[in-house]
Amino acid sequence: MDTSRNDLLGEIAGDAALERSDFLVRSTEQLRKFLDANKSRIAELGGLTLIDEDPDYLAVAPDLTFRSRTRFVDDLTGDWTSETEVIESAGELVELYNPADIYTAFAEAAREAAGMAAEPTATADMLETAGIGIDEASAPAGADPYAAAADEWAAANPLPLDADDDEVAAQRLYDLALEFQERSQRSESRLLEQFEDAAGLLSARIGDLIINDDDDERLTLSSTGVFKAEVLTEEENEWRPLASAEELVEYYDPTDVFGDLADALAEAYPSIAPELNAETGATNGTGPDGATEGDAEESDEDANDDDEASDAADEEGAPRA
């Protein structure tokens, strides 16, 4: 019976391997046709970033090669390491990515670059709701939607700016800085949302975790994995709840949020970061140089005094610049 069972399993494995090979061959051919059909468009655009969601990154170059970035923890150093890989063929790409995800990435990247909606909106129900006729939503005969998207992308992504004098240059640079500040905050809010999606099940086991509880701010990771925060604004002297990731990044740097969260977890669960506790003497009441716990507390008080003196110069409850 064991031999018969092993034979059946072997046949299943063999068939699966053949189907996988056939799938890769057909997927590679289909992707190659798609790339060949859009080769001139991709070259004219100068390439296209398909995925840019830390740590995932994938871009296609004008020569139809791809750049992929992976991010992992080095077992030896414990540090995060990034590696960029050049993928030279469609066959290599479908080995690494689901072909459906590749086409989705192309579609979403093209829409985003053209300033279009994330999803197609020209459905009959949506048109009817908006009071738009089918003929109004249809492209003119012979119009190339890809060319139109390319024109819109070019309009939204001009060449490097220049100016005739320093006053105009300063104004344009000022506007550019504010624009990129908004882009940065959108990227940071997406990063927080991705963390919240990934942390939901883990947070449910731990429950609400207080990260910061100061006179002018309160930050908590709730049991649902969502950050809850409120800050005391200087202008109104009122507590303002930060109900979304977009509002959170107005006051918090995600790097600080994640760092403070790690510190709060290490304090609540000393066993998860024994090396940190050993450095601070939290595990045995003495520091690395034999200092007693009381000495460590005095040192902490001195450090806190320095921090408070520094913080006194900052505006309380002020949003990030």
C-alpha atoms as a PDB file:
ATOM      1  CA  MET A   1       0.000   0.000   0.000  1.00  0.00           C
ATOM      2  CA  ASP A   2       2.871   2.377   0.809  1.00  0.00           C
ATOM      3  CA  THR A   3       4.438   1.718  -2.596  1.00  0.00           C
ATOM      4  CA  SER A   4       1.148   2.410  -4.368  1.00  0.00           C
ATOM      5  CA  ARG A   5       0.654   5.627  -2.406  1.00  0.00           C
ATOM      6  CA  ASN A   6       4.172   6.814  -3.227  1.00  0.00           C
ATOM      7  CA  ASP A   7       3.561   6.026  -6.901  1.00  0.00           C
ATOM      8  CA  LEU A   8       0.396   8.125  -6.893  1.00  0.00           C
ATOM      9  CA  LEU A   9       2.182  11.010  -5.206  1.00  0.00           C
ATOM     10  CA  GLY A  10       5.045  10.736  -7.688  1.00  0.00           C
ATOM     11  CA  GLU A  11       2.649  10.886 -10.629  1.00  0.00           C
ATOM     12  CA  ILE A  12       0.935  13.962  -9.174  1.00  0.00           C
ATOM     13  CA  ALA A  13       4.298  15.636  -8.665  1.00  0.00           C
ATOM     14  CA  GLY A  14       5.394  14.771 -12.219  1.00  0.00           C
ATOM     15  CA  ASP A  15       2.189  16.122 -13.759  1.00  0.00           C
ATOM     16  CA  ALA A  16       2.417  19.282 -11.680  1.00  0.00           C
ATOM     17  CA  ALA A  17       6.007  19.850 -12.836  1.00  0.00           C
ATOM     18  CA  LEU A  18       4.980  19.423 -16.488  1.00  0.00           C
ATOM     19  CA  GLU A  19       2.040  21.807 -16.076  1.00  0.00           C
ATOM     20  CA  ARG A  20       4.293  24.329 -14.390  1.00  0.00           C
ATOM     21  CA  SER A  21       6.804  24.171 -17.239  1.00  0.00           C
ATOM     22  CA  ASP A  22       4.031  24.520 -19.819  1.00  0.00           C
ATOM     23  CA  PHE A  23       2.527  27.442 -17.898  1.00  0.00           C
ATOM     24  CA  LEU A  24       5.877  29.240 -17.747  1.00  0.00           C
ATOM     25  CA  VAL A  25       6.467  28.728 -21.465  1.00  0.00           C
ATOM     26  CA  ARG A  26       3.033  30.057 -22.423  1.00  0.00           C
ATOM     27  CA  SER A  27       3.220  32.920 -19.908  1.00  0.00           C
ATOM     28  CA  THR A  28       6.666  33.903 -21.159  1.00  0.00           C
ATOM     29  CA  GLU A  29       5.469  33.953 -24.768  1.00  0.00           C
ATOM     30  CA  GLN A  30       2.414  36.024 -23.871  1.00  0.00           C
ATOM     31  CA  LEU A  31       4.487  38.522 -21.857  1.00  0.00           C
ATOM     32  CA  ARG A  32       7.061  38.767 -24.642  1.00  0.00           C
ATOM     33  CA  LYS A  33       4.320  39.641 -27.148  1.00  0.00           C
ATOM     34  CA  PHE A  34       2.964  42.275 -24.780  1.00  0.00           C
ATOM     35  CA  LEU A  35       6.421  43.831 -24.324  1.00  0.00           C
ATOM     36  CA  ASP A  36       7.147  43.790 -28.055  1.00  0.00           C
ATOM     37  CA  ALA A  37       3.807  45.471 -28.786  1.00  0.00           C
ATOM     38  CA  ASN A  38       4.573  48.254 -26.291  1.00  0.00           C
ATOM     39  CA  LYS A  39       8.323  48.501 -26.848  1.00  0.00           C
ATOM     40  CA  SER A  40       8.229  51.881 -28.591  1.00  0.00           C
ATOM     41  CA  ARG A  41       5.821  53.336 -25.990  1.00  0.00           C
ATOM     42  CA  ILE A  42       7.987  52.196 -23.068  1.00  0.00           C
ATOM     43  CA  ALA A  43      11.097  53.573 -24.784  1.00  0.00           C
ATOM     44  CA  GLU A  44       9.394  56.933 -25.426  1.00  0.00           C
ATOM     45  CA  LEU A  45       8.376  57.169 -21.776  1.00  0.00           C
ATOM     46  CA  GLY A  46      11.928  56.401 -20.698  1.00  0.00           C
ATOM     47  CA  GLY A  47      10.825  53.307 -18.799  1.00  0.00           C
ATOM     48  CA  LEU A  48       8.175  52.876 -16.148  1.00  0.00           C
ATOM     49  CA  THR A  49       8.178  52.147 -12.432  1.00  0.00           C
ATOM     50  CA  LEU A  50       5.721  49.285 -11.958  1.00  0.00           C
ATOM     51  CA  ILE A  51       5.932  48.629  -8.213  1.00  0.00           C
ATOM     52  CA  ASP A  52       7.284  51.020  -5.605  1.00  0.00           C
ATOM     53  CA  GLU A  53       6.035  49.797  -2.255  1.00  0.00           C
ATOM     54  CA  ASP A  54       8.872  49.346   0.209  1.00  0.00           C
ATOM     55  CA  PRO A  55      10.404  46.775   0.243  1.00  0.00           C
ATOM     56  CA  ASP A  56       9.029  45.712  -3.174  1.00  0.00           C
ATOM     57  CA  TYR A  57      10.300  47.508  -6.256  1.00  0.00           C
ATOM     58  CA  LEU A  58      10.047  46.651  -9.944  1.00  0.00           C
ATOM     59  CA  ALA A  59      10.751  48.883 -12.948  1.00  0.00           C
ATOM     60  CA  VAL A  60      11.031  48.342 -16.697  1.00  0.00           C
ATOM     61  CA  ALA A  61      13.808  50.127 -18.583  1.00  0.00           C
ATOM     62  CA  PRO A  62      13.566  51.498 -22.161  1.00  0.00           C
ATOM     63  CA  ASP A  63      15.464  48.422 -23.407  1.00  0.00           C
ATOM     64  CA  LEU A  64      12.768  46.147 -21.828  1.00  0.00           C
ATOM     65  CA  THR A  65      15.038  44.870 -19.075  1.00  0.00           C
ATOM     66  CA  PHE A  66      13.680  44.982 -15.536  1.00  0.00           C
ATOM     67  CA  ARG A  67      15.105  46.137 -12.218  1.00  0.00           C
ATOM     68  CA  SER A  68      13.913  44.370  -9.095  1.00  0.00           C
ATOM     69  CA  ARG A  69      14.855  45.204  -5.514  1.00  0.00           C
ATOM     70  CA  THR A  70      14.627  42.821  -2.583  1.00  0.00           C
ATOM     71  CA  ARG A  71      15.090  43.688   1.079  1.00  0.00           C
ATOM     72  CA  PHE A  72      16.013  41.200   3.803  1.00  0.00           C
ATOM     73  CA  VAL A  73      17.660  40.936   7.213  1.00  0.00           C
ATOM     74  CA  ASP A  74      21.301  39.858   7.168  1.00  0.00           C
ATOM     75  CA  ASP A  75      21.640  36.902   9.551  1.00  0.00           C
ATOM     76  CA  LEU A  76      25.204  37.887  10.444  1.00  0.00           C
ATOM     77  CA  THR A  77      24.780  41.597  11.148  1.00  0.00           C
ATOM     78  CA  GLY A  78      21.067  41.760  11.873  1.00  0.00           C
ATOM     79  CA  ASP A  79      20.828  44.798   9.566  1.00  0.00           C
ATOM     80  CA  TRP A  80      18.425  45.272   6.700  1.00  0.00           C
ATOM     81  CA  THR A  81      20.114  44.763   3.334  1.00  0.00           C
ATOM     82  CA  SER A  82      18.805  45.762  -0.092  1.00  0.00           C
ATOM     83  CA  GLU A  83      19.805  44.069  -3.326  1.00  0.00           C
ATOM     84  CA  THR A  84      18.977  45.236  -6.842  1.00  0.00           C
ATOM     85  CA  GLU A  85      18.743  42.588  -9.540  1.00  0.00           C
ATOM     86  CA  VAL A  86      18.672  43.078 -13.303  1.00  0.00           C
ATOM     87  CA  ILE A  87      16.124  40.791 -14.984  1.00  0.00           C
ATOM     88  CA  GLU A  88      17.004  40.568 -18.649  1.00  0.00           C
ATOM     89  CA  SER A  89      14.245  38.386 -20.084  1.00  0.00           C
ATOM     90  CA  ALA A  90      10.515  37.773 -19.838  1.00  0.00           C
ATOM     91  CA  GLY A  91      11.260  34.172 -18.885  1.00  0.00           C
ATOM     92  CA  GLU A  92      13.195  35.254 -15.805  1.00  0.00           C
ATOM     93  CA  LEU A  93      10.451  37.688 -14.839  1.00  0.00           C
ATOM     94  CA  VAL A  94       7.624  35.120 -14.853  1.00  0.00           C
ATOM     95  CA  GLU A  95       9.784  32.865 -12.708  1.00  0.00           C
ATOM     96  CA  LEU A  96       9.827  35.566 -10.028  1.00  0.00           C
ATOM     97  CA  TYR A  97       6.426  37.258 -10.421  1.00  0.00           C
ATOM     98  CA  ASN A  98       2.890  36.057 -11.051  1.00  0.00           C
ATOM     99  CA  PRO A  99       2.102  37.089 -14.664  1.00  0.00           C
ATOM    100  CA  ALA A 100      -1.287  38.444 -13.576  1.00  0.00           C
ATOM    101  CA  ASP A 101       0.483  40.691 -11.052  1.00  0.00           C
ATOM    102  CA  ILE A 102       2.848  41.924 -13.785  1.00  0.00           C
ATOM    103  CA  TYR A 103      -0.018  43.032 -16.038  1.00  0.00           C
ATOM    104  CA  THR A 104      -1.817  44.598 -13.079  1.00  0.00           C
ATOM    105  CA  ALA A 105       1.339  46.518 -12.200  1.00  0.00           C
ATOM    106  CA  PHE A 106       1.643  47.795 -15.797  1.00  0.00           C
ATOM    107  CA  ALA A 107      -1.997  48.898 -15.814  1.00  0.00           C
ATOM    108  CA  GLU A 108      -1.852  50.645 -12.443  1.00  0.00           C
ATOM    109  CA  ALA A 109       1.506  52.289 -13.144  1.00  0.00           C
ATOM    110  CA  ALA A 110       0.280  53.646 -16.490  1.00  0.00           C
ATOM    111  CA  ARG A 111      -2.931  55.000 -14.945  1.00  0.00           C
ATOM    112  CA  GLU A 112      -1.064  56.597 -12.038  1.00  0.00           C
ATOM    113  CA  ALA A 113       1.560  58.167 -14.309  1.00  0.00           C
ATOM    114  CA  ALA A 114      -1.216  59.553 -16.517  1.00  0.00           C
ATOM    115  CA  GLY A 115      -3.133  60.911 -13.537  1.00  0.00           C
ATOM    116  CA  MET A 116      -6.031  58.577 -14.200  1.00  0.00           C
ATOM    117  CA  ALA A 117      -8.207  56.761 -11.669  1.00  0.00           C
ATOM    118  CA  ALA A 118      -6.801  53.621 -10.073  1.00  0.00           C
ATOM    119  CA  GLU A 119      -9.556  51.486 -11.596  1.00  0.00           C
ATOM    120  CA  PRO A 120     -11.499  51.785 -14.867  1.00  0.00           C
ATOM    121  CA  THR A 121     -14.568  53.957 -14.303  1.00  0.00           C
ATOM    122  CA  ALA A 122     -16.355  53.785 -17.670  1.00  0.00           C
ATOM    123  CA  THR A 123     -18.917  51.150 -16.675  1.00  0.00           C
ATOM    124  CA  ALA A 124     -22.544  51.547 -17.656  1.00  0.00           C
ATOM    125  CA  ASP A 125     -23.735  51.975 -14.072  1.00  0.00           C
ATOM    126  CA  MET A 126     -21.125  54.618 -13.217  1.00  0.00           C
ATOM    127  CA  LEU A 127     -21.839  56.550 -16.412  1.00  0.00           C
ATOM    128  CA  GLU A 128     -25.543  56.502 -15.706  1.00  0.00           C
ATOM    129  CA  THR A 129     -24.972  57.692 -12.148  1.00  0.00           C
ATOM    130  CA  ALA A 130     -22.765  60.519 -13.381  1.00  0.00           C
ATOM    131  CA  GLY A 131     -25.255  61.471 -16.116  1.00  0.00           C
ATOM    132  CA  ILE A 132     -22.748  60.857 -18.903  1.00  0.00           C
ATOM    133  CA  GLY A 133     -23.771  59.245 -22.158  1.00  0.00           C
ATOM    134  CA  ILE A 134     -21.905  56.341 -23.685  1.00  0.00           C
ATOM    135  CA  ASP A 135     -21.010  58.456 -26.712  1.00  0.00           C
ATOM    136  CA  GLU A 136     -19.500  61.117 -24.451  1.00  0.00           C
ATOM    137  CA  ALA A 137     -17.267  58.583 -22.710  1.00  0.00           C
ATOM    138  CA  SER A 138     -16.113  56.840 -25.877  1.00  0.00           C
ATOM    139  CA  ALA A 139     -12.801  57.785 -27.414  1.00  0.00           C
ATOM    140  CA  PRO A 140     -12.899  59.202 -30.947  1.00  0.00           C
ATOM    141  CA  ALA A 141     -12.443  56.694 -33.740  1.00  0.00           C
ATOM    142  CA  GLY A 142      -8.806  56.011 -34.400  1.00  0.00           C
ATOM    143  CA  ALA A 143      -7.643  57.607 -31.142  1.00  0.00           C
ATOM    144  CA  ASP A 144      -4.784  55.834 -29.402  1.00  0.00           C
ATOM    145  CA  PRO A 145      -5.521  55.600 -25.643  1.00  0.00           C
ATOM    146  CA  TYR A 146      -1.896  54.764 -24.915  1.00  0.00           C
ATOM    147  CA  ALA A 147      -0.702  57.868 -26.746  1.00  0.00           C
ATOM    148  CA  ALA A 148      -3.215  59.977 -24.822  1.00  0.00           C
ATOM    149  CA  ALA A 149      -1.999  58.484 -21.557  1.00  0.00           C
ATOM    150  CA  ALA A 150       1.572  59.234 -22.571  1.00  0.00           C
ATOM    151  CA  ASP A 151       0.666  62.862 -23.336  1.00  0.00           C
ATOM    152  CA  GLU A 152      -1.027  63.242 -19.950  1.00  0.00           C
ATOM    153  CA  TRP A 153       1.971  61.667 -18.217  1.00  0.00           C
ATOM    154  CA  ALA A 154       4.345  64.037 -20.007  1.00  0.00           C
ATOM    155  CA  ALA A 155       2.208  67.019 -18.985  1.00  0.00           C
ATOM    156  CA  ALA A 156       2.281  65.924 -15.344  1.00  0.00           C
ATOM    157  CA  ASN A 157       6.020  65.173 -15.410  1.00  0.00           C
ATOM    158  CA  PRO A 158       7.777  68.156 -17.025  1.00  0.00           C
ATOM    159  CA  LEU A 159      11.466  68.442 -17.735  1.00  0.00           C
ATOM    160  CA  PRO A 160      13.764  69.881 -15.038  1.00  0.00           C
ATOM    161  CA  LEU A 161      12.661  73.421 -14.159  1.00  0.00           C
ATOM    162  CA  ASP A 162      14.691  76.538 -14.868  1.00  0.00           C
ATOM    163  CA  ALA A 163      14.259  80.281 -14.292  1.00  0.00           C
ATOM    164  CA  ASP A 164      15.660  83.566 -15.546  1.00  0.00           C
ATOM    165  CA  ASP A 165      16.439  85.083 -12.131  1.00  0.00           C
ATOM    166  CA  ASP A 166      16.914  84.012  -8.531  1.00  0.00           C
ATOM    167  CA  GLU A 167      13.500  85.315  -7.364  1.00  0.00           C
ATOM    168  CA  VAL A 168      11.598  83.155  -9.853  1.00  0.00           C
ATOM    169  CA  ALA A 169      13.942  80.245  -9.169  1.00  0.00           C
ATOM    170  CA  ALA A 170      13.270  80.533  -5.439  1.00  0.00           C
ATOM    171  CA  GLN A 171       9.476  80.601  -6.017  1.00  0.00           C
ATOM    172  CA  ARG A 172       9.551  77.529  -8.264  1.00  0.00           C
ATOM    173  CA  LEU A 173      11.865  75.713  -5.888  1.00  0.00           C
ATOM    174  CA  TYR A 174       9.537  76.577  -2.993  1.00  0.00           C
ATOM    175  CA  ASP A 175       6.514  75.187  -4.868  1.00  0.00           C
ATOM    176  CA  LEU A 176       8.490  72.095  -5.829  1.00  0.00           C
ATOM    177  CA  ALA A 177       9.504  71.482  -2.226  1.00  0.00           C
ATOM    178  CA  LEU A 178       5.876  71.650  -1.066  1.00  0.00           C
ATOM    179  CA  GLU A 179       4.798  69.311  -3.857  1.00  0.00           C
ATOM    180  CA  PHE A 180       7.408  66.744  -2.914  1.00  0.00           C
ATOM    181  CA  GLN A 181       6.529  67.144   0.760  1.00  0.00           C
ATOM    182  CA  GLU A 182       2.987  66.077  -0.129  1.00  0.00           C
ATOM    183  CA  ARG A 183       4.335  63.140  -2.136  1.00  0.00           C
ATOM    184  CA  SER A 184       6.537  62.120   0.782  1.00  0.00           C
ATOM    185  CA  GLN A 185       3.629  62.217   3.208  1.00  0.00           C
ATOM    186  CA  ARG A 186       1.505  60.117   0.852  1.00  0.00           C
ATOM    187  CA  SER A 187       4.283  57.521   0.680  1.00  0.00           C
ATOM    188  CA  GLU A 188       4.673  57.567   4.463  1.00  0.00           C
ATOM    189  CA  SER A 189       0.934  57.135   5.015  1.00  0.00           C
ATOM    190  CA  ARG A 190       0.931  54.127   2.660  1.00  0.00           C
ATOM    191  CA  LEU A 191       3.803  52.661   4.672  1.00  0.00           C
ATOM    192  CA  LEU A 192       1.824  53.010   7.908  1.00  0.00           C
ATOM    193  CA  GLU A 193      -1.254  51.464   6.282  1.00  0.00           C
ATOM    194  CA  GLN A 194       0.799  48.503   5.047  1.00  0.00           C
ATOM    195  CA  PHE A 195       2.136  47.964   8.561  1.00  0.00           C
ATOM    196  CA  GLU A 196      -1.374  48.113  10.017  1.00  0.00           C
ATOM    197  CA  ASP A 197      -2.593  45.505   7.517  1.00  0.00           C
ATOM    198  CA  ALA A 198       0.293  43.185   8.400  1.00  0.00           C
ATOM    199  CA  ALA A 199       0.062  43.705  12.182  1.00  0.00           C
ATOM    200  CA  GLY A 200      -3.652  43.067  12.711  1.00  0.00           C
ATOM    201  CA  LEU A 201      -3.533  39.417  13.837  1.00  0.00           C
ATOM    202  CA  LEU A 202      -0.443  39.923  15.994  1.00  0.00           C
ATOM    203  CA  SER A 203      -1.893  42.975  17.731  1.00  0.00           C
ATOM    204  CA  ALA A 204      -5.095  41.066  18.481  1.00  0.00           C
ATOM    205  CA  ARG A 205      -3.072  38.663  20.642  1.00  0.00           C
ATOM    206  CA  ILE A 206      -1.239  41.435  22.505  1.00  0.00           C
ATOM    207  CA  GLY A 207      -4.052  43.957  22.882  1.00  0.00           C
ATOM    208  CA  ASP A 208      -3.719  47.739  23.014  1.00  0.00           C
ATOM    209  CA  LEU A 209      -0.102  48.841  23.459  1.00  0.00           C
ATOM    210  CA  ILE A 210       0.728  52.361  24.627  1.00  0.00           C
ATOM    211  CA  ILE A 211       3.696  53.725  22.674  1.00  0.00           C
ATOM    212  CA  ASN A 212       3.814  57.319  23.927  1.00  0.00           C
ATOM    213  CA  ASP A 213       1.792  59.004  26.676  1.00  0.00           C
ATOM    214  CA  ASP A 214       3.110  62.512  27.220  1.00  0.00           C
ATOM    215  CA  ASP A 215       1.591  65.847  28.214  1.00  0.00           C
ATOM    216  CA  ASP A 216       1.078  66.859  24.589  1.00  0.00           C
ATOM    217  CA  GLU A 217       0.773  63.548  22.719  1.00  0.00           C
ATOM    218  CA  ARG A 218      -0.636  60.060  23.056  1.00  0.00           C
ATOM    219  CA  LEU A 219       0.138  57.238  20.658  1.00  0.00           C
ATOM    220  CA  THR A 220      -1.212  53.693  20.902  1.00  0.00           C
ATOM    221  CA  LEU A 221      -1.155  50.593  18.709  1.00  0.00           C
ATOM    222  CA  SER A 222      -4.661  49.225  19.131  1.00  0.00           C
ATOM    223  CA  SER A 223      -5.613  45.558  19.273  1.00  0.00           C
ATOM    224  CA  THR A 224      -6.790  45.823  15.673  1.00  0.00           C
ATOM    225  CA  GLY A 225      -3.285  46.808  14.503  1.00  0.00           C
ATOM    226  CA  VAL A 226      -4.309  50.416  13.810  1.00  0.00           C
ATOM    227  CA  PHE A 227      -2.386  53.367  15.245  1.00  0.00           C
ATOM    228  CA  LYS A 228      -4.486  55.640  17.464  1.00  0.00           C
ATOM    229  CA  ALA A 229      -3.086  59.050  18.319  1.00  0.00           C
ATOM    230  CA  GLU A 230      -4.021  62.492  19.535  1.00  0.00           C
ATOM    231  CA  VAL A 231      -1.932  65.616  19.965  1.00  0.00           C
ATOM    232  CA  LEU A 232      -2.377  68.838  21.893  1.00  0.00           C
ATOM    233  CA  THR A 233      -2.354  71.633  19.335  1.00  0.00           C
ATOM    234  CA  GLU A 234      -0.653  74.877  20.267  1.00  0.00           C
ATOM    235  CA  GLU A 235      -3.034  77.106  18.295  1.00  0.00           C
ATOM    236  CA  GLU A 236      -6.342  75.953  19.823  1.00  0.00           C
ATOM    237  CA  ASN A 237      -4.852  74.273  22.903  1.00  0.00           C
ATOM    238  CA  GLU A 238      -7.187  71.369  22.215  1.00  0.00           C
ATOM    239  CA  TRP A 239      -6.633  67.659  21.759  1.00  0.00           C
ATOM    240  CA  ARG A 240      -6.806  66.707  18.112  1.00  0.00           C
ATOM    241  CA  PRO A 241      -7.423  63.023  17.302  1.00  0.00           C
ATOM    242  CA  LEU A 242      -5.427  61.625  14.396  1.00  0.00           C
ATOM    243  CA  ALA A 243      -7.895  59.200  12.861  1.00  0.00           C
ATOM    244  CA  SER A 244      -6.011  58.158   9.719  1.00  0.00           C
ATOM    245  CA  ALA A 245      -2.520  57.452   8.451  1.00  0.00           C
ATOM    246  CA  GLU A 246      -2.684  60.659   6.398  1.00  0.00           C
ATOM    247  CA  GLU A 247      -3.283  62.706   9.562  1.00  0.00           C
ATOM    248  CA  LEU A 248      -0.710  60.746  11.551  1.00  0.00           C
ATOM    249  CA  VAL A 249       2.181  61.606   9.217  1.00  0.00           C
ATOM    250  CA  GLU A 250       1.427  65.309   9.671  1.00  0.00           C
ATOM    251  CA  TYR A 251       2.831  65.013  13.191  1.00  0.00           C
ATOM    252  CA  TYR A 252       4.879  61.807  13.236  1.00  0.00           C
ATOM    253  CA  ASP A 253       7.792  60.447  11.227  1.00  0.00           C
ATOM    254  CA  PRO A 254       7.065  56.743  10.523  1.00  0.00           C
ATOM    255  CA  THR A 255      10.688  55.912  11.349  1.00  0.00           C
ATOM    256  CA  ASP A 256      10.163  57.315  14.856  1.00  0.00           C
ATOM    257  CA  VAL A 257       6.806  55.555  15.194  1.00  0.00           C
ATOM    258  CA  PHE A 258       8.272  52.155  14.380  1.00  0.00           C
ATOM    259  CA  GLY A 259      11.311  52.767  16.578  1.00  0.00           C
ATOM    260  CA  ASP A 260       9.186  53.848  19.543  1.00  0.00           C
ATOM    261  CA  LEU A 261       6.904  50.855  18.991  1.00  0.00           C
ATOM    262  CA  ALA A 262       9.903  48.504  19.078  1.00  0.00           C
ATOM    263  CA  ASP A 263      11.083  50.133  22.336  1.00  0.00           C
ATOM    264  CA  ALA A 264       7.626  49.797  23.881  1.00  0.00           C
ATOM    265  CA  LEU A 265       7.462  46.117  22.927  1.00  0.00           C
ATOM    266  CA  ALA A 266      10.949  45.459  24.315  1.00  0.00           C
ATOM    267  CA  GLU A 267       9.943  47.133  27.568  1.00  0.00           C
ATOM    268  CA  ALA A 268       6.699  45.168  27.830  1.00  0.00           C
ATOM    269  CA  TYR A 269       8.341  41.872  26.818  1.00  0.00           C
ATOM    270  CA  PRO A 270      12.005  41.960  27.945  1.00  0.00           C
ATOM    271  CA  SER A 271      12.711  38.469  26.614  1.00  0.00           C
ATOM    272  CA  ILE A 272      12.236  39.518  22.979  1.00  0.00           C
ATOM    273  CA  ALA A 273      15.261  41.851  23.055  1.00  0.00           C
ATOM    274  CA  PRO A 274      17.693  40.417  25.616  1.00  0.00           C
ATOM    275  CA  GLU A 275      20.692  42.117  24.011  1.00  0.00           C
ATOM    276  CA  LEU A 276      19.121  45.533  24.586  1.00  0.00           C
ATOM    277  CA  ASN A 277      18.262  44.707  28.160  1.00  0.00           C
ATOM    278  CA  ALA A 278      21.792  43.463  28.750  1.00  0.00           C
ATOM    279  CA  GLU A 279      23.181  46.778  27.520  1.00  0.00           C
ATOM    280  CA  THR A 280      20.931  48.778  29.835  1.00  0.00           C
ATOM    281  CA  GLY A 281      21.274  46.400  32.774  1.00  0.00           C
ATOM    282  CA  ALA A 282      17.548  45.730  32.849  1.00  0.00           C
ATOM    283  CA  THR A 283      17.951  41.969  33.197  1.00  0.00           C
ATOM    284  CA  ASN A 284      20.223  41.877  36.245  1.00  0.00           C
ATOM    285  CA  GLY A 285      20.030  45.375  37.770  1.00  0.00           C
ATOM    286  CA  THR A 286      23.559  46.334  36.724  1.00  0.00           C
ATOM    287  CA  GLY A 287      24.977  48.050  33.709  1.00  0.00           C
ATOM    288  CA  PRO A 288      27.771  46.810  31.451  1.00  0.00           C
ATOM    289  CA  ASP A 289      30.372  48.519  33.689  1.00  0.00           C
ATOM    290  CA  GLY A 290      28.965  47.170  36.921  1.00  0.00           C
ATOM    291  CA  ALA A 291      26.780  50.198  37.645  1.00  0.00           C
ATOM    292  CA  THR A 292      23.836  49.564  39.930  1.00  0.00           C
ATOM    293  CA  GLU A 293      20.237  49.982  38.908  1.00  0.00           C
ATOM    294  CA  GLY A 294      20.088  53.173  40.969  1.00  0.00           C
ATOM    295  CA  ASP A 295      23.049  54.584  39.075  1.00  0.00           C
ATOM    296  CA  ALA A 296      21.300  53.732  35.816  1.00  0.00           C
ATOM    297  CA  GLU A 297      18.165  55.514  36.984  1.00  0.00           C
ATOM    298  CA  GLU A 298      20.176  58.621  37.908  1.00  0.00           C
ATOM    299  CA  SER A 299      21.785  58.538  34.478  1.00  0.00           C
ATOM    300  CA  ASP A 300      18.368  58.232  32.871  1.00  0.00           C
ATOM    301  CA  GLU A 301      17.111  61.182  34.921  1.00  0.00           C
ATOM    302  CA  ASP A 302      20.049  63.294  33.740  1.00  0.00           C
ATOM    303  CA  ALA A 303      19.334  62.298  30.146  1.00  0.00           C
ATOM    304  CA  ASN A 304      15.672  63.130  30.589  1.00  0.00           C
ATOM    305  CA  ASP A 305      16.607  66.555  31.969  1.00  0.00           C
ATOM    306  CA  ASP A 306      18.711  67.178  28.874  1.00  0.00           C
ATOM    307  CA  ASP A 307      15.871  66.030  26.609  1.00  0.00           C
ATOM    308  CA  GLU A 308      13.369  68.272  28.402  1.00  0.00           C
ATOM    309  CA  ALA A 309      15.689  71.262  28.038  1.00  0.00           C
ATOM    310  CA  SER A 310      15.983  70.527  24.335  1.00  0.00           C
ATOM    311  CA  ASP A 311      12.264  69.983  23.892  1.00  0.00           C
ATOM    312  CA  ALA A 312      11.526  73.327  25.574  1.00  0.00           C
ATOM    313  CA  ALA A 313      12.838  75.040  22.453  1.00  0.00           C
ATOM    314  CA  ASP A 314      10.381  73.182  20.218  1.00  0.00           C
ATOM    315  CA  GLU A 315       6.749  74.070  19.682  1.00  0.00           C
ATOM    316  CA  GLU A 316       4.422  71.723  21.510  1.00  0.00           C
ATOM    317  CA  GLY A 317       1.786  70.069  19.364  1.00  0.00           C
ATOM    318  CA  ALA A 318       3.201  71.602  16.193  1.00  0.00           C
ATOM    319  CA  PRO A 319       2.840  69.577  12.981  1.00  0.00           C
ATOM    320  CA  ARG A 320       5.868  68.320  11.086  1.00  0.00           C
ATOM    321  CA  ALA A 321       7.475  70.818   8.764  1.00  0.00           C
END
